[in-house]
Amino acid sequence: MGKTYLYRLRAFDAAGNSSGYATAQTSSSGFQANVVPDQDSSVVSDDQIVTLTFPAGALTQPAFCSVGISTDIIAPKDTGYFAVDGPYQIDCRDSAGNVITAFNKSLVLSAQTSAPQFKGLSKVVYFGQKDDGSWQILSILSHDKKSSTDKVDLQNHYVFTIMGQQKKSSWGWIIKLIFIIILIAIILFISRFLNQKRIKRVMEREYDEYLRKAKGL
């Protein structure tokens, strides 16, 4: 339901004299749905990073839905990944203000991975939070190379986050290669040194044996 507001205003001069009242009336538009049952609807997150598509038939009634970053939810601490954006939380309410807790069809998340926060990542992974608070990896439906956009099946998750895996620096491989070469060189040097000592001992024994035979011992 919309609401009507009545205002009245009067002015005072320096001597304290007042004018008559000027009146005004305005009305709020009330509930305005941005997601409807009979057609696909899209909602963009508050930070403009992700877009949610509500397919036709996902809801049975018009609703106002929003997507924003939650300050109360901690991103998953998965080994090898770090949080890129989110966690995001979906909030949908009907005309009476009731929270919608289920969708008839899965929502589709779109994220453009060419955005600055995705630079330097070798892999982008999307996680959805279950009712018990645990996280699971979401399926990427498609990746458009031209626009660098992922489409992800949210599988009726209300909370999701975007995780990334850092690209391995080429310098890391070069350093490892140099280390291996140095290690091999050290091993070869030690092997050669020990072999020379062994040969020297053999030759010394043979010379001692020769001297004994020469003296008739």
N, C-alpha and C. Protein backbone atom coordinates (compact mmCIF):
# COMPACT_ATOMS: atom_id res chain seq x y z
N MET A 1 0.85 -1.19 0.00
CA MET A 1 0.00 0.00 0.00
C MET A 1 0.88 1.24 0.00
N GLY A 2 0.48 2.27 -0.80
CA GLY A 2 1.20 3.52 -0.78
C GLY A 2 0.77 4.38 0.40
N LYS A 3 1.54 5.41 0.65
CA LYS A 3 1.23 6.32 1.75
C LYS A 3 1.13 7.73 1.23
N THR A 4 0.25 8.54 1.85
CA THR A 4 0.08 9.93 1.48
C THR A 4 0.62 10.82 2.60
N TYR A 5 1.40 11.83 2.24
CA TYR A 5 1.99 12.74 3.23
C TYR A 5 1.50 14.15 2.95
N LEU A 6 1.06 14.86 4.01
CA LEU A 6 0.60 16.24 3.93
C LEU A 6 1.62 17.14 4.61
N TYR A 7 2.00 18.24 3.95
CA TYR A 7 2.97 19.18 4.50
C TYR A 7 2.35 20.58 4.48
N ARG A 8 2.70 21.40 5.50
CA ARG A 8 2.33 22.81 5.46
C ARG A 8 3.54 23.63 5.92
N LEU A 9 3.69 24.84 5.32
CA LEU A 9 4.87 25.64 5.54
C LEU A 9 4.49 27.11 5.58
N ARG A 10 5.10 27.86 6.52
CA ARG A 10 4.91 29.30 6.54
C ARG A 10 6.24 29.98 6.80
N ALA A 11 6.35 31.25 6.40
CA ALA A 11 7.60 32.01 6.51
C ALA A 11 7.48 33.12 7.54
N PHE A 12 8.61 33.48 8.13
CA PHE A 12 8.68 34.58 9.10
C PHE A 12 9.68 35.61 8.59
N ASP A 13 9.30 36.95 8.79
CA ASP A 13 10.25 38.00 8.43
C ASP A 13 11.06 38.39 9.65
N ALA A 14 11.93 39.41 9.51
CA ALA A 14 12.81 39.83 10.60
C ALA A 14 12.05 40.35 11.80
N ALA A 15 10.86 40.89 11.58
CA ALA A 15 10.05 41.44 12.68
C ALA A 15 9.21 40.35 13.35
N GLY A 16 9.28 39.15 12.85
CA GLY A 16 8.52 38.06 13.44
C GLY A 16 7.14 37.87 12.86
N ASN A 17 6.81 38.63 11.82
CA ASN A 17 5.50 38.45 11.17
C ASN A 17 5.52 37.18 10.33
N SER A 18 4.43 36.48 10.36
CA SER A 18 4.35 35.21 9.63
C SER A 18 3.41 35.31 8.45
N SER A 19 3.69 34.51 7.48
CA SER A 19 2.80 34.43 6.32
C SER A 19 1.74 33.37 6.57
N GLY A 20 0.84 33.21 5.66
CA GLY A 20 -0.12 32.13 5.76
C GLY A 20 0.54 30.81 5.41
N TYR A 21 -0.13 29.73 5.68
CA TYR A 21 0.42 28.40 5.41
C TYR A 21 0.32 28.07 3.92
N ALA A 22 1.40 27.50 3.42
CA ALA A 22 1.38 26.90 2.09
C ALA A 22 1.30 25.39 2.31
N THR A 23 0.43 24.72 1.62
CA THR A 23 0.23 23.29 1.84
C THR A 23 0.69 22.49 0.61
N ALA A 24 1.08 21.27 0.88
CA ALA A 24 1.50 20.37 -0.21
C ALA A 24 1.12 18.95 0.18
N GLN A 25 0.89 18.15 -0.82
CA GLN A 25 0.54 16.74 -0.60
C GLN A 25 1.34 15.88 -1.56
N THR A 26 1.89 14.80 -1.05
CA THR A 26 2.63 13.87 -1.90
C THR A 26 2.31 12.44 -1.49
N SER A 27 2.44 11.54 -2.41
CA SER A 27 2.13 10.12 -2.13
C SER A 27 3.30 9.25 -2.56
N SER A 28 3.59 8.24 -1.75
CA SER A 28 4.60 7.26 -2.13
C SER A 28 3.96 6.23 -3.04
N SER A 29 4.76 5.65 -3.88
CA SER A 29 4.21 4.70 -4.85
C SER A 29 3.98 3.33 -4.24
N GLY A 30 4.54 3.07 -3.03
CA GLY A 30 4.34 1.78 -2.39
C GLY A 30 5.20 0.70 -3.03
N PHE A 31 4.72 -0.52 -3.01
CA PHE A 31 5.48 -1.67 -3.51
C PHE A 31 5.65 -1.61 -5.02
N GLN A 32 6.88 -1.81 -5.47
CA GLN A 32 7.17 -1.87 -6.90
C GLN A 32 8.03 -3.10 -7.16
N ALA A 33 7.50 -4.06 -7.88
CA ALA A 33 8.23 -5.31 -8.15
C ALA A 33 9.26 -5.11 -9.24
N ASN A 34 10.42 -5.75 -9.07
CA ASN A 34 11.41 -5.78 -10.14
C ASN A 34 11.63 -7.19 -10.68
N VAL A 35 10.90 -8.16 -10.09
CA VAL A 35 10.92 -9.53 -10.58
C VAL A 35 9.48 -9.99 -10.70
N VAL A 36 9.12 -10.51 -11.86
CA VAL A 36 7.74 -10.94 -12.10
C VAL A 36 7.72 -12.41 -12.51
N PRO A 37 6.62 -13.10 -12.28
CA PRO A 37 6.58 -14.55 -12.53
C PRO A 37 6.61 -14.95 -14.00
N ASP A 38 6.03 -14.14 -14.90
CA ASP A 38 5.79 -14.60 -16.26
C ASP A 38 6.88 -14.25 -17.28
N GLN A 39 8.00 -13.70 -16.82
CA GLN A 39 9.08 -13.40 -17.76
C GLN A 39 10.43 -13.35 -17.02
N ASP A 40 11.50 -13.49 -17.80
CA ASP A 40 12.83 -13.41 -17.19
C ASP A 40 13.06 -12.00 -16.64
N SER A 41 13.67 -11.94 -15.47
CA SER A 41 13.97 -10.65 -14.85
C SER A 41 15.42 -10.65 -14.40
N SER A 42 16.06 -9.47 -14.44
CA SER A 42 17.46 -9.35 -14.03
C SER A 42 17.60 -8.33 -12.92
N VAL A 43 18.49 -8.64 -11.98
CA VAL A 43 18.79 -7.75 -10.86
C VAL A 43 20.30 -7.63 -10.76
N VAL A 44 20.80 -6.39 -10.70
CA VAL A 44 22.24 -6.14 -10.60
C VAL A 44 22.60 -5.88 -9.14
N SER A 45 23.75 -6.41 -8.72
CA SER A 45 24.19 -6.23 -7.34
C SER A 45 24.48 -4.76 -7.05
N ASP A 46 24.49 -4.41 -5.77
CA ASP A 46 24.72 -3.02 -5.37
C ASP A 46 26.05 -2.49 -5.87
N ASP A 47 27.07 -3.37 -5.96
CA ASP A 47 28.39 -2.92 -6.41
C ASP A 47 28.58 -3.07 -7.92
N GLN A 48 27.51 -3.45 -8.63
CA GLN A 48 27.53 -3.56 -10.09
C GLN A 48 28.46 -4.66 -10.62
N ILE A 49 28.83 -5.60 -9.75
CA ILE A 49 29.76 -6.66 -10.16
C ILE A 49 29.04 -7.84 -10.79
N VAL A 50 27.93 -8.26 -10.20
CA VAL A 50 27.23 -9.45 -10.68
C VAL A 50 25.79 -9.11 -11.06
N THR A 51 25.26 -9.94 -11.93
CA THR A 51 23.86 -9.81 -12.35
C THR A 51 23.16 -11.15 -12.14
N LEU A 52 21.98 -11.10 -11.53
CA LEU A 52 21.19 -12.31 -11.32
C LEU A 52 20.04 -12.32 -12.30
N THR A 53 19.84 -13.47 -12.92
CA THR A 53 18.69 -13.66 -13.81
C THR A 53 17.68 -14.57 -13.12
N PHE A 54 16.46 -14.06 -12.97
CA PHE A 54 15.35 -14.84 -12.42
C PHE A 54 14.54 -15.34 -13.62
N PRO A 55 14.65 -16.62 -13.96
CA PRO A 55 13.91 -17.11 -15.13
C PRO A 55 12.41 -17.06 -14.90
N ALA A 56 11.67 -16.95 -15.99
CA ALA A 56 10.20 -16.97 -15.89
C ALA A 56 9.76 -18.23 -15.17
N GLY A 57 8.88 -18.07 -14.21
CA GLY A 57 8.41 -19.21 -13.44
C GLY A 57 9.17 -19.47 -12.16
N ALA A 58 10.24 -18.69 -11.92
CA ALA A 58 11.01 -18.88 -10.68
C ALA A 58 10.18 -18.47 -9.47
N LEU A 59 9.30 -17.46 -9.65
CA LEU A 59 8.43 -17.00 -8.57
C LEU A 59 6.98 -17.17 -8.99
N THR A 60 6.11 -17.28 -8.01
CA THR A 60 4.67 -17.39 -8.29
C THR A 60 3.95 -16.07 -8.11
N GLN A 61 4.70 -15.04 -7.64
CA GLN A 61 4.10 -13.73 -7.41
C GLN A 61 5.17 -12.66 -7.63
N PRO A 62 4.76 -11.43 -7.95
CA PRO A 62 5.74 -10.37 -8.12
C PRO A 62 6.51 -10.14 -6.82
N ALA A 63 7.78 -9.73 -6.97
CA ALA A 63 8.62 -9.50 -5.79
C ALA A 63 9.62 -8.41 -6.07
N PHE A 64 10.09 -7.82 -5.00
CA PHE A 64 11.20 -6.88 -5.12
C PHE A 64 12.44 -7.60 -4.57
N CYS A 65 13.46 -7.74 -5.42
CA CYS A 65 14.67 -8.48 -5.04
C CYS A 65 15.90 -7.58 -5.14
N SER A 66 16.84 -7.83 -4.25
CA SER A 66 18.10 -7.10 -4.27
C SER A 66 19.24 -8.07 -3.99
N VAL A 67 20.44 -7.69 -4.41
CA VAL A 67 21.64 -8.49 -4.18
C VAL A 67 22.71 -7.56 -3.63
N GLY A 68 23.22 -7.88 -2.45
CA GLY A 68 24.23 -7.02 -1.84
C GLY A 68 25.23 -7.83 -1.05
N ILE A 69 26.36 -7.21 -0.75
CA ILE A 69 27.41 -7.87 0.03
C ILE A 69 26.98 -7.93 1.49
N SER A 70 27.10 -9.10 2.08
CA SER A 70 26.76 -9.30 3.48
C SER A 70 27.99 -9.08 4.36
N THR A 71 27.82 -8.30 5.43
CA THR A 71 28.92 -8.07 6.37
C THR A 71 28.91 -9.10 7.51
N ASP A 72 27.91 -9.95 7.54
CA ASP A 72 27.78 -10.93 8.63
C ASP A 72 28.27 -12.32 8.24
N ILE A 73 28.54 -12.53 6.97
CA ILE A 73 28.91 -13.86 6.49
C ILE A 73 30.37 -13.87 6.08
N ILE A 74 31.11 -14.90 6.50
CA ILE A 74 32.52 -15.03 6.19
C ILE A 74 32.69 -15.96 4.99
N ALA A 75 33.50 -15.53 4.05
CA ALA A 75 33.76 -16.34 2.84
C ALA A 75 34.44 -17.64 3.22
N PRO A 76 34.27 -18.68 2.41
CA PRO A 76 34.93 -19.97 2.71
C PRO A 76 36.44 -19.85 2.70
N LYS A 77 37.07 -20.56 3.61
CA LYS A 77 38.53 -20.57 3.68
C LYS A 77 39.04 -21.84 3.01
N ASP A 78 38.95 -21.87 1.71
CA ASP A 78 39.35 -23.03 0.94
C ASP A 78 40.82 -22.92 0.56
N THR A 79 41.57 -23.98 0.77
CA THR A 79 43.01 -23.97 0.50
C THR A 79 43.27 -23.65 -0.97
N GLY A 80 44.13 -22.66 -1.18
CA GLY A 80 44.52 -22.31 -2.55
C GLY A 80 43.66 -21.23 -3.17
N TYR A 81 42.59 -20.82 -2.50
CA TYR A 81 41.71 -19.79 -3.04
C TYR A 81 41.57 -18.64 -2.05
N PHE A 82 41.22 -17.48 -2.57
CA PHE A 82 40.95 -16.33 -1.72
C PHE A 82 39.73 -15.59 -2.26
N ALA A 83 39.06 -14.85 -1.39
CA ALA A 83 37.82 -14.16 -1.76
C ALA A 83 38.12 -13.02 -2.72
N VAL A 84 37.38 -12.98 -3.83
CA VAL A 84 37.50 -11.91 -4.80
C VAL A 84 36.38 -10.88 -4.59
N ASP A 85 35.15 -11.37 -4.51
CA ASP A 85 33.99 -10.51 -4.26
C ASP A 85 32.96 -11.27 -3.44
N GLY A 86 32.26 -10.53 -2.58
CA GLY A 86 31.23 -11.13 -1.76
C GLY A 86 31.69 -11.32 -0.34
N PRO A 87 31.00 -12.19 0.40
CA PRO A 87 29.82 -12.96 0.01
C PRO A 87 28.60 -12.06 -0.28
N TYR A 88 27.84 -12.46 -1.29
CA TYR A 88 26.62 -11.77 -1.66
C TYR A 88 25.42 -12.50 -1.06
N GLN A 89 24.39 -11.72 -0.74
CA GLN A 89 23.16 -12.30 -0.20
C GLN A 89 21.97 -11.79 -1.01
N ILE A 90 21.10 -12.70 -1.39
CA ILE A 90 19.90 -12.36 -2.16
C ILE A 90 18.75 -12.12 -1.19
N ASP A 91 18.03 -11.04 -1.39
CA ASP A 91 16.86 -10.74 -0.55
C ASP A 91 15.67 -10.45 -1.46
N CYS A 92 14.65 -11.29 -1.38
CA CYS A 92 13.43 -11.13 -2.17
C CYS A 92 12.23 -11.04 -1.23
N ARG A 93 11.36 -10.07 -1.47
CA ARG A 93 10.16 -9.89 -0.64
C ARG A 93 8.95 -9.65 -1.53
N ASP A 94 7.80 -10.16 -1.05
CA ASP A 94 6.55 -9.97 -1.80
C ASP A 94 5.92 -8.64 -1.41
N SER A 95 4.75 -8.37 -1.93
CA SER A 95 4.08 -7.08 -1.71
C SER A 95 3.73 -6.83 -0.25
N ALA A 96 3.65 -7.90 0.55
CA ALA A 96 3.34 -7.76 1.97
C ALA A 96 4.60 -7.64 2.82
N GLY A 97 5.77 -7.69 2.18
CA GLY A 97 7.03 -7.58 2.91
C GLY A 97 7.56 -8.90 3.41
N ASN A 98 6.91 -9.99 3.05
CA ASN A 98 7.36 -11.32 3.49
C ASN A 98 8.58 -11.77 2.67
N VAL A 99 9.54 -12.38 3.35
CA VAL A 99 10.74 -12.88 2.68
C VAL A 99 10.41 -14.15 1.90
N ILE A 100 10.81 -14.19 0.65
CA ILE A 100 10.60 -15.38 -0.19
C ILE A 100 11.76 -16.34 0.06
N THR A 101 11.44 -17.54 0.45
CA THR A 101 12.46 -18.50 0.87
C THR A 101 12.71 -19.63 -0.13
N ALA A 102 12.04 -19.62 -1.26
CA ALA A 102 12.26 -20.69 -2.24
C ALA A 102 11.93 -20.20 -3.64
N PHE A 103 12.67 -20.74 -4.60
CA PHE A 103 12.42 -20.44 -6.01
C PHE A 103 12.06 -21.73 -6.72
N ASN A 104 11.18 -21.61 -7.70
CA ASN A 104 10.76 -22.79 -8.46
C ASN A 104 11.79 -23.19 -9.51
N LYS A 105 12.66 -22.26 -9.87
CA LYS A 105 13.72 -22.54 -10.83
C LYS A 105 15.02 -21.93 -10.31
N SER A 106 16.13 -22.53 -10.74
CA SER A 106 17.44 -22.02 -10.31
C SER A 106 17.71 -20.66 -10.92
N LEU A 107 18.31 -19.79 -10.11
CA LEU A 107 18.73 -18.49 -10.60
C LEU A 107 20.09 -18.64 -11.29
N VAL A 108 20.38 -17.72 -12.21
CA VAL A 108 21.64 -17.76 -12.95
C VAL A 108 22.44 -16.50 -12.62
N LEU A 109 23.66 -16.71 -12.20
CA LEU A 109 24.57 -15.62 -11.88
C LEU A 109 25.47 -15.34 -13.07
N SER A 110 25.64 -14.06 -13.39
CA SER A 110 26.57 -13.66 -14.46
C SER A 110 27.63 -12.74 -13.84
N ALA A 111 28.88 -13.03 -14.12
CA ALA A 111 29.98 -12.20 -13.61
C ALA A 111 31.00 -12.01 -14.72
N GLN A 112 31.41 -10.77 -14.93
CA GLN A 112 32.38 -10.48 -15.98
C GLN A 112 33.78 -10.60 -15.41
N THR A 113 34.50 -11.62 -15.81
CA THR A 113 35.81 -11.92 -15.22
C THR A 113 36.94 -11.07 -15.78
N SER A 114 36.61 -10.11 -16.65
CA SER A 114 37.65 -9.19 -17.13
C SER A 114 37.73 -7.94 -16.25
N ALA A 115 36.91 -7.86 -15.20
CA ALA A 115 36.93 -6.72 -14.29
C ALA A 115 38.26 -6.67 -13.56
N PRO A 116 38.67 -5.48 -13.05
CA PRO A 116 40.00 -5.33 -12.42
C PRO A 116 40.28 -6.34 -11.31
N GLN A 117 39.28 -6.68 -10.51
CA GLN A 117 39.52 -7.58 -9.39
C GLN A 117 39.83 -9.01 -9.84
N PHE A 118 39.61 -9.32 -11.13
CA PHE A 118 39.90 -10.66 -11.63
C PHE A 118 41.26 -10.74 -12.33
N LYS A 119 41.96 -9.61 -12.44
CA LYS A 119 43.25 -9.60 -13.12
C LYS A 119 44.26 -10.45 -12.34
N GLY A 120 45.06 -11.21 -13.07
CA GLY A 120 46.10 -12.00 -12.44
C GLY A 120 45.63 -13.32 -11.86
N LEU A 121 44.37 -13.69 -12.11
CA LEU A 121 43.85 -14.95 -11.59
C LEU A 121 43.94 -16.04 -12.65
N SER A 122 44.34 -17.22 -12.24
CA SER A 122 44.40 -18.34 -13.17
C SER A 122 43.06 -19.07 -13.22
N LYS A 123 42.27 -18.92 -12.17
CA LYS A 123 40.99 -19.63 -12.09
C LYS A 123 40.03 -18.87 -11.20
N VAL A 124 38.77 -18.84 -11.60
CA VAL A 124 37.70 -18.22 -10.80
C VAL A 124 36.71 -19.32 -10.42
N VAL A 125 36.37 -19.39 -9.14
CA VAL A 125 35.47 -20.42 -8.64
C VAL A 125 34.34 -19.74 -7.86
N TYR A 126 33.14 -20.27 -8.01
CA TYR A 126 31.97 -19.71 -7.34
C TYR A 126 31.48 -20.70 -6.28
N PHE A 127 31.23 -20.19 -5.09
CA PHE A 127 30.76 -21.02 -3.98
C PHE A 127 29.37 -20.55 -3.55
N GLY A 128 28.53 -21.52 -3.21
CA GLY A 128 27.22 -21.23 -2.63
C GLY A 128 27.16 -21.78 -1.22
N GLN A 129 26.49 -21.04 -0.33
CA GLN A 129 26.40 -21.48 1.06
C GLN A 129 25.12 -22.28 1.28
N LYS A 130 25.28 -23.45 1.93
CA LYS A 130 24.13 -24.29 2.24
C LYS A 130 23.43 -23.78 3.51
N ASP A 131 22.29 -24.39 3.81
CA ASP A 131 21.54 -24.00 5.01
C ASP A 131 22.31 -24.24 6.29
N ASP A 132 23.21 -25.24 6.28
CA ASP A 132 23.98 -25.55 7.49
C ASP A 132 25.24 -24.70 7.62
N GLY A 133 25.42 -23.75 6.70
CA GLY A 133 26.57 -22.85 6.77
C GLY A 133 27.78 -23.31 6.01
N SER A 134 27.79 -24.54 5.51
CA SER A 134 28.91 -25.04 4.72
C SER A 134 28.82 -24.50 3.29
N TRP A 135 29.93 -24.63 2.56
CA TRP A 135 29.99 -24.09 1.21
C TRP A 135 30.22 -25.21 0.20
N GLN A 136 29.68 -25.02 -0.99
CA GLN A 136 29.94 -25.97 -2.07
C GLN A 136 30.22 -25.20 -3.35
N ILE A 137 31.03 -25.82 -4.22
CA ILE A 137 31.39 -25.20 -5.49
C ILE A 137 30.19 -25.26 -6.43
N LEU A 138 29.90 -24.14 -7.08
CA LEU A 138 28.78 -24.07 -8.01
C LEU A 138 29.23 -24.37 -9.43
N SER A 139 28.30 -24.85 -10.23
CA SER A 139 28.62 -25.23 -11.61
C SER A 139 28.62 -24.01 -12.52
N ILE A 140 29.68 -23.87 -13.32
CA ILE A 140 29.74 -22.82 -14.34
C ILE A 140 29.05 -23.36 -15.59
N LEU A 141 27.96 -22.72 -15.98
CA LEU A 141 27.18 -23.18 -17.12
C LEU A 141 27.90 -22.88 -18.44
N SER A 142 28.51 -21.71 -18.51
CA SER A 142 29.19 -21.33 -19.74
C SER A 142 30.15 -20.18 -19.47
N HIS A 143 31.09 -20.01 -20.41
CA HIS A 143 32.02 -18.88 -20.33
C HIS A 143 32.12 -18.27 -21.71
N ASP A 144 31.76 -17.00 -21.80
CA ASP A 144 31.83 -16.28 -23.06
C ASP A 144 33.21 -15.61 -23.16
N LYS A 145 34.07 -16.13 -24.04
CA LYS A 145 35.43 -15.60 -24.15
C LYS A 145 35.43 -14.16 -24.66
N LYS A 146 34.48 -13.85 -25.52
CA LYS A 146 34.46 -12.50 -26.10
C LYS A 146 34.20 -11.44 -25.04
N SER A 147 33.26 -11.70 -24.15
CA SER A 147 32.93 -10.72 -23.10
C SER A 147 33.54 -11.08 -21.75
N SER A 148 34.24 -12.23 -21.71
CA SER A 148 34.84 -12.74 -20.45
C SER A 148 33.79 -12.81 -19.34
N THR A 149 32.67 -13.44 -19.66
CA THR A 149 31.57 -13.52 -18.69
C THR A 149 31.25 -14.98 -18.37
N ASP A 150 31.21 -15.27 -17.08
CA ASP A 150 30.79 -16.58 -16.61
C ASP A 150 29.30 -16.57 -16.30
N LYS A 151 28.64 -17.68 -16.64
CA LYS A 151 27.25 -17.88 -16.21
C LYS A 151 27.24 -19.08 -15.27
N VAL A 152 26.68 -18.89 -14.08
CA VAL A 152 26.78 -19.88 -13.02
C VAL A 152 25.40 -20.25 -12.52
N ASP A 153 25.17 -21.55 -12.31
CA ASP A 153 23.92 -22.04 -11.75
C ASP A 153 23.98 -21.90 -10.23
N LEU A 154 23.11 -21.04 -9.67
CA LEU A 154 23.13 -20.81 -8.23
C LEU A 154 22.47 -21.94 -7.43
N GLN A 155 21.73 -22.81 -8.09
CA GLN A 155 21.14 -23.98 -7.44
C GLN A 155 20.36 -23.60 -6.17
N ASN A 156 19.60 -22.51 -6.25
CA ASN A 156 18.74 -22.06 -5.15
C ASN A 156 19.50 -21.64 -3.89
N HIS A 157 20.76 -21.26 -4.04
CA HIS A 157 21.50 -20.70 -2.91
C HIS A 157 21.16 -19.21 -2.79
N TYR A 158 20.97 -18.78 -1.56
CA TYR A 158 20.68 -17.37 -1.30
C TYR A 158 21.96 -16.58 -1.03
N VAL A 159 23.01 -17.29 -0.68
CA VAL A 159 24.30 -16.66 -0.39
C VAL A 159 25.36 -17.29 -1.29
N PHE A 160 26.17 -16.46 -1.91
CA PHE A 160 27.23 -16.97 -2.78
C PHE A 160 28.42 -16.02 -2.72
N THR A 161 29.57 -16.52 -3.12
CA THR A 161 30.77 -15.69 -3.15
C THR A 161 31.65 -16.11 -4.32
N ILE A 162 32.53 -15.21 -4.71
CA ILE A 162 33.43 -15.46 -5.83
C ILE A 162 34.84 -15.59 -5.28
N MET A 163 35.50 -16.69 -5.62
CA MET A 163 36.85 -16.97 -5.14
C MET A 163 37.80 -17.03 -6.34
N GLY A 164 39.07 -16.77 -6.08
CA GLY A 164 40.05 -16.80 -7.16
C GLY A 164 41.31 -17.55 -6.77
N GLN A 165 42.01 -18.03 -7.77
CA GLN A 165 43.29 -18.70 -7.57
C GLN A 165 44.36 -17.90 -8.30
N GLN A 166 45.39 -17.51 -7.58
CA GLN A 166 46.42 -16.64 -8.14
C GLN A 166 47.23 -17.38 -9.19
N LYS A 167 47.58 -16.65 -10.26
CA LYS A 167 48.47 -17.23 -11.27
C LYS A 167 49.86 -17.41 -10.69
N LYS A 168 50.49 -18.51 -11.06
CA LYS A 168 51.85 -18.75 -10.61
C LYS A 168 52.82 -17.94 -11.46
N SER A 169 53.67 -17.22 -10.80
CA SER A 169 54.63 -16.37 -11.50
C SER A 169 55.65 -17.21 -12.26
N SER A 170 55.99 -16.76 -13.46
CA SER A 170 57.02 -17.46 -14.25
C SER A 170 58.37 -17.40 -13.56
N TRP A 171 58.58 -16.35 -12.75
CA TRP A 171 59.84 -16.24 -12.01
C TRP A 171 59.99 -17.38 -11.02
N GLY A 172 58.87 -17.86 -10.50
CA GLY A 172 58.93 -18.97 -9.56
C GLY A 172 59.54 -20.20 -10.20
N TRP A 173 59.14 -20.48 -11.44
CA TRP A 173 59.68 -21.64 -12.15
C TRP A 173 61.16 -21.43 -12.48
N ILE A 174 61.53 -20.21 -12.83
CA ILE A 174 62.94 -19.92 -13.14
C ILE A 174 63.81 -20.11 -11.91
N ILE A 175 63.32 -19.62 -10.77
CA ILE A 175 64.07 -19.78 -9.51
C ILE A 175 64.21 -21.26 -9.17
N LYS A 176 63.12 -22.02 -9.34
CA LYS A 176 63.19 -23.46 -9.07
C LYS A 176 64.19 -24.15 -9.98
N LEU A 177 64.19 -23.74 -11.27
CA LEU A 177 65.11 -24.35 -12.23
C LEU A 177 66.56 -24.05 -11.86
N ILE A 178 66.83 -22.79 -11.48
CA ILE A 178 68.18 -22.40 -11.06
C ILE A 178 68.60 -23.20 -9.83
N PHE A 179 67.67 -23.36 -8.89
CA PHE A 179 67.97 -24.12 -7.68
C PHE A 179 68.33 -25.57 -8.02
N ILE A 180 67.56 -26.17 -8.94
CA ILE A 180 67.82 -27.56 -9.34
C ILE A 180 69.19 -27.68 -10.01
N ILE A 181 69.51 -26.69 -10.88
CA ILE A 181 70.81 -26.72 -11.58
C ILE A 181 71.95 -26.61 -10.58
N ILE A 182 71.81 -25.71 -9.61
CA ILE A 182 72.85 -25.54 -8.58
C ILE A 182 73.00 -26.82 -7.76
N LEU A 183 71.84 -27.43 -7.42
CA LEU A 183 71.88 -28.66 -6.63
C LEU A 183 72.58 -29.78 -7.40
N ILE A 184 72.29 -29.90 -8.68
CA ILE A 184 72.95 -30.93 -9.51
C ILE A 184 74.45 -30.67 -9.59
N ALA A 185 74.82 -29.38 -9.75
CA ALA A 185 76.24 -29.03 -9.83
C ALA A 185 76.96 -29.40 -8.55
N ILE A 186 76.33 -29.14 -7.40
CA ILE A 186 76.94 -29.49 -6.10
C ILE A 186 77.12 -31.00 -5.97
N ILE A 187 76.08 -31.74 -6.39
CA ILE A 187 76.15 -33.21 -6.31
C ILE A 187 77.28 -33.73 -7.20
N LEU A 188 77.38 -33.18 -8.42
CA LEU A 188 78.44 -33.62 -9.33
C LEU A 188 79.82 -33.27 -8.78
N PHE A 189 79.95 -32.09 -8.17
CA PHE A 189 81.23 -31.67 -7.59
C PHE A 189 81.64 -32.61 -6.46
N ILE A 190 80.68 -32.92 -5.57
CA ILE A 190 80.98 -33.81 -4.44
C ILE A 190 81.33 -35.21 -4.95
N SER A 191 80.56 -35.67 -5.96
CA SER A 191 80.83 -37.01 -6.52
C SER A 191 82.22 -37.06 -7.13
N ARG A 192 82.59 -36.02 -7.85
CA ARG A 192 83.91 -35.99 -8.48
C ARG A 192 85.01 -35.94 -7.42
N PHE A 193 84.77 -35.13 -6.37
CA PHE A 193 85.77 -35.03 -5.30
C PHE A 193 85.97 -36.38 -4.61
N LEU A 194 84.88 -37.06 -4.29
CA LEU A 194 84.97 -38.36 -3.62
C LEU A 194 85.61 -39.40 -4.53
N ASN A 195 85.30 -39.33 -5.81
CA ASN A 195 85.87 -40.29 -6.76
C ASN A 195 87.37 -40.09 -6.89
N GLN A 196 87.80 -38.82 -6.90
CA GLN A 196 89.23 -38.54 -6.98
C GLN A 196 89.96 -39.06 -5.74
N LYS A 197 89.37 -38.89 -4.57
CA LYS A 197 89.97 -39.40 -3.35
C LYS A 197 90.06 -40.92 -3.38
N ARG A 198 89.02 -41.57 -3.89
CA ARG A 198 89.03 -43.04 -3.99
C ARG A 198 90.14 -43.51 -4.92
N ILE A 199 90.28 -42.84 -6.08
CA ILE A 199 91.33 -43.20 -7.05
C ILE A 199 92.71 -43.00 -6.43
N LYS A 200 92.84 -41.89 -5.68
CA LYS A 200 94.13 -41.61 -5.04
C LYS A 200 94.50 -42.70 -4.04
N ARG A 201 93.51 -43.14 -3.24
CA ARG A 201 93.78 -44.19 -2.26
C ARG A 201 94.17 -45.50 -2.94
N VAL A 202 93.47 -45.82 -4.05
CA VAL A 202 93.78 -47.05 -4.80
C VAL A 202 95.21 -46.99 -5.34
N MET A 203 95.58 -45.83 -5.89
CA MET A 203 96.91 -45.68 -6.45
C MET A 203 97.98 -45.76 -5.35
N GLU A 204 97.67 -45.18 -4.19
CA GLU A 204 98.63 -45.25 -3.08
C GLU A 204 98.83 -46.69 -2.62
N ARG A 205 97.73 -47.45 -2.55
CA ARG A 205 97.84 -48.86 -2.14
C ARG A 205 98.65 -49.65 -3.17
N GLU A 206 98.39 -49.39 -4.45
CA GLU A 206 99.12 -50.09 -5.50
C GLU A 206 100.61 -49.74 -5.46
N TYR A 207 100.92 -48.47 -5.18
CA TYR A 207 102.34 -48.07 -5.11
C TYR A 207 103.03 -48.72 -3.92
N ASP A 208 102.33 -48.76 -2.77
CA ASP A 208 102.90 -49.42 -1.58
C ASP A 208 103.15 -50.91 -1.86
N GLU A 209 102.21 -51.51 -2.55
CA GLU A 209 102.35 -52.93 -2.89
C GLU A 209 103.54 -53.15 -3.83
N TYR A 210 103.74 -52.24 -4.76
CA TYR A 210 104.86 -52.31 -5.69
C TYR A 210 106.20 -52.21 -4.94
N LEU A 211 106.27 -51.28 -3.96
CA LEU A 211 107.50 -51.11 -3.19
C LEU A 211 107.83 -52.35 -2.39
N ARG A 212 106.82 -52.96 -1.78
CA ARG A 212 107.04 -54.17 -1.00
C ARG A 212 107.59 -55.30 -1.88
N LYS A 213 106.98 -55.44 -3.06
CA LYS A 213 107.45 -56.49 -3.97
C LYS A 213 108.87 -56.20 -4.45
N ALA A 214 109.17 -54.91 -4.66
CA ALA A 214 110.51 -54.55 -5.13
C ALA A 214 111.56 -54.85 -4.10
N LYS A 215 111.23 -54.78 -2.81
CA LYS A 215 112.15 -55.04 -1.72
C LYS A 215 112.15 -56.52 -1.33
N GLY A 216 111.34 -57.30 -2.00
CA GLY A 216 111.28 -58.73 -1.74
C GLY A 216 110.56 -59.05 -0.45
N LEU A 217 109.71 -58.16 -0.04
CA LEU A 217 108.97 -58.40 1.19
C LEU A 217 107.73 -59.22 0.90
